[in-house]
Amino acid sequence: MDEASCGAFDAACSKAVANGALNLVADLSALTYISSAGIGSFVKAAKMVRQAHGEMVLTGLYGLVKDVFELTHVVTIFQVFESPELALAGVP
């Protein structure tokens, strides 16, 4: 996920919240790369969801992507689950 793909992610999150979604589950299991722009998009999405009194959670955080989330300490603002199913069970 880089600057070129952040727009689509931002738009999807904005649309979901505008349509009334309070909780978002982001499955990152297929993501193999994330840039600083991608990290910024996740922070922006989390802030937007929290302002709507909801929560954004992450699943499938592995490898380099997990390392980037941990090195930037961005992982601390999210609950992280191993799978979307576990996330859905843990999000009210």
C-alpha atoms as a PDB file:
ATOM      1  CA  MET A   1       0.000   0.000   0.000  1.00  0.00           C
ATOM      2  CA  ASP A   2       1.608   3.196  -1.157  1.00  0.00           C
ATOM      3  CA  GLU A   3       0.638   6.702  -2.161  1.00  0.00           C
ATOM      4  CA  ALA A   4      -0.901   5.437  -5.402  1.00  0.00           C
ATOM      5  CA  SER A   5      -3.280   3.049  -3.625  1.00  0.00           C
ATOM      6  CA  CYS A   6      -4.109   5.136  -0.547  1.00  0.00           C
ATOM      7  CA  GLY A   7      -6.819   7.105  -2.319  1.00  0.00           C
ATOM      8  CA  ALA A   8      -8.962   4.039  -2.910  1.00  0.00           C
ATOM      9  CA  PHE A   9      -8.543   2.945   0.720  1.00  0.00           C
ATOM     10  CA  ASP A  10      -9.387   6.427   2.024  1.00  0.00           C
ATOM     11  CA  ALA A  11     -12.458   6.612  -0.210  1.00  0.00           C
ATOM     12  CA  ALA A  12     -13.694   3.164   0.858  1.00  0.00           C
ATOM     13  CA  CYS A  13     -13.315   4.016   4.554  1.00  0.00           C
ATOM     14  CA  SER A  14     -15.020   7.388   4.124  1.00  0.00           C
ATOM     15  CA  LYS A  15     -17.900   5.802   2.207  1.00  0.00           C
ATOM     16  CA  ALA A  16     -18.357   3.073   4.829  1.00  0.00           C
ATOM     17  CA  VAL A  17     -18.522   5.612   7.663  1.00  0.00           C
ATOM     18  CA  ALA A  18     -20.811   7.917   5.664  1.00  0.00           C
ATOM     19  CA  ASN A  19     -23.134   4.948   5.118  1.00  0.00           C
ATOM     20  CA  GLY A  20     -23.335   4.354   8.869  1.00  0.00           C
ATOM     21  CA  ALA A  21     -20.623   1.783   9.545  1.00  0.00           C
ATOM     22  CA  LEU A  22     -19.290   2.310  13.042  1.00  0.00           C
ATOM     23  CA  ASN A  23     -16.768  -0.516  13.127  1.00  0.00           C
ATOM     24  CA  LEU A  24     -14.296  -1.360  10.377  1.00  0.00           C
ATOM     25  CA  VAL A  25     -12.206  -4.521  10.097  1.00  0.00           C
ATOM     26  CA  ALA A  26      -9.131  -4.200   7.874  1.00  0.00           C
ATOM     27  CA  ASP A  27      -7.761  -7.574   6.749  1.00  0.00           C
ATOM     28  CA  LEU A  28      -4.106  -6.998   5.862  1.00  0.00           C
ATOM     29  CA  SER A  29      -3.188 -10.634   5.215  1.00  0.00           C
ATOM     30  CA  ALA A  30      -2.631 -10.009   1.476  1.00  0.00           C
ATOM     31  CA  LEU A  31      -0.630  -6.813   2.033  1.00  0.00           C
ATOM     32  CA  THR A  32       3.114  -7.281   1.472  1.00  0.00           C
ATOM     33  CA  TYR A  33       4.254  -3.639   1.554  1.00  0.00           C
ATOM     34  CA  ILE A  34       3.157  -0.446   3.256  1.00  0.00           C
ATOM     35  CA  SER A  35       4.693   3.008   2.870  1.00  0.00           C
ATOM     36  CA  SER A  36       4.488   5.981   5.201  1.00  0.00           C
ATOM     37  CA  ALA A  37       1.545   7.186   3.116  1.00  0.00           C
ATOM     38  CA  GLY A  38      -0.200   3.880   3.790  1.00  0.00           C
ATOM     39  CA  ILE A  39       0.441   4.178   7.521  1.00  0.00           C
ATOM     40  CA  GLY A  40      -0.963   7.702   7.350  1.00  0.00           C
ATOM     41  CA  SER A  41      -4.119   6.406   5.688  1.00  0.00           C
ATOM     42  CA  PHE A  42      -4.669   3.915   8.502  1.00  0.00           C
ATOM     43  CA  VAL A  43      -4.197   6.629  11.130  1.00  0.00           C
ATOM     44  CA  LYS A  44      -6.613   8.910   9.255  1.00  0.00           C
ATOM     45  CA  ALA A  45      -9.186   6.119   8.964  1.00  0.00           C
ATOM     46  CA  ALA A  46      -8.909   5.234  12.658  1.00  0.00           C
ATOM     47  CA  LYS A  47      -9.424   8.869  13.619  1.00  0.00           C
ATOM     48  CA  MET A  48     -12.458   9.184  11.340  1.00  0.00           C
ATOM     49  CA  VAL A  49     -14.051   6.019  12.738  1.00  0.00           C
ATOM     50  CA  ARG A  50     -13.405   7.082  16.334  1.00  0.00           C
ATOM     51  CA  GLN A  51     -14.975  10.476  15.676  1.00  0.00           C
ATOM     52  CA  ALA A  52     -18.087   8.528  14.621  1.00  0.00           C
ATOM     53  CA  HIS A  53     -17.854   6.641  17.963  1.00  0.00           C
ATOM     54  CA  GLY A  54     -16.682   3.425  16.353  1.00  0.00           C
ATOM     55  CA  GLU A  55     -13.527   1.382  16.138  1.00  0.00           C
ATOM     56  CA  MET A  56     -11.212   0.147  13.416  1.00  0.00           C
ATOM     57  CA  VAL A  57      -9.395  -3.127  14.000  1.00  0.00           C
ATOM     58  CA  LEU A  58      -6.687  -4.913  12.026  1.00  0.00           C
ATOM     59  CA  THR A  59      -6.305  -8.556  11.094  1.00  0.00           C
ATOM     60  CA  GLY A  60      -3.652 -10.542   9.265  1.00  0.00           C
ATOM     61  CA  LEU A  61      -0.750  -8.360  10.345  1.00  0.00           C
ATOM     62  CA  TYR A  62       2.404 -10.268   9.286  1.00  0.00           C
ATOM     63  CA  GLY A  63       5.936  -9.856   7.987  1.00  0.00           C
ATOM     64  CA  LEU A  64       7.202  -6.503   6.776  1.00  0.00           C
ATOM     65  CA  VAL A  65       3.804  -4.856   7.197  1.00  0.00           C
ATOM     66  CA  LYS A  66       3.684  -5.920  10.856  1.00  0.00           C
ATOM     67  CA  ASP A  67       7.246  -4.646  11.315  1.00  0.00           C
ATOM     68  CA  VAL A  68       6.337  -1.223   9.911  1.00  0.00           C
ATOM     69  CA  PHE A  69       3.255  -0.929  12.125  1.00  0.00           C
ATOM     70  CA  GLU A  70       5.368  -1.885  15.161  1.00  0.00           C
ATOM     71  CA  LEU A  71       8.395   0.303  14.339  1.00  0.00           C
ATOM     72  CA  THR A  72       6.164   3.346  13.883  1.00  0.00           C
ATOM     73  CA  HIS A  73       4.170   2.456  17.027  1.00  0.00           C
ATOM     74  CA  VAL A  74       0.988   2.864  14.984  1.00  0.00           C
ATOM     75  CA  VAL A  75       0.026  -0.666  16.004  1.00  0.00           C
ATOM     76  CA  THR A  76      -0.683   0.692  19.502  1.00  0.00           C
ATOM     77  CA  ILE A  77      -3.778   2.589  18.327  1.00  0.00           C
ATOM     78  CA  PHE A  78      -5.479  -0.550  16.972  1.00  0.00           C
ATOM     79  CA  GLN A  79      -6.737  -3.822  18.325  1.00  0.00           C
ATOM     80  CA  VAL A  80      -5.104  -6.573  16.274  1.00  0.00           C
ATOM     81  CA  PHE A  81      -6.678  -9.965  15.631  1.00  0.00           C
ATOM     82  CA  GLU A  82      -5.351 -13.011  13.785  1.00  0.00           C
ATOM     83  CA  SER A  83      -8.359 -13.317  11.494  1.00  0.00           C
ATOM     84  CA  PRO A  84     -11.429 -11.360  10.368  1.00  0.00           C
ATOM     85  CA  GLU A  85     -13.637 -13.925  12.122  1.00  0.00           C
ATOM     86  CA  LEU A  86     -11.928 -13.308  15.466  1.00  0.00           C
ATOM     87  CA  ALA A  87     -12.138  -9.558  14.896  1.00  0.00           C
ATOM     88  CA  LEU A  88     -15.860  -9.733  14.198  1.00  0.00           C
ATOM     89  CA  ALA A  89     -16.355 -11.721  17.381  1.00  0.00           C
ATOM     90  CA  GLY A  90     -14.406  -9.081  19.341  1.00  0.00           C
ATOM     91  CA  VAL A  91     -16.010  -5.932  17.914  1.00  0.00           C
ATOM     92  CA  PRO A  92     -19.414  -4.999  19.362  1.00  0.00           C
END
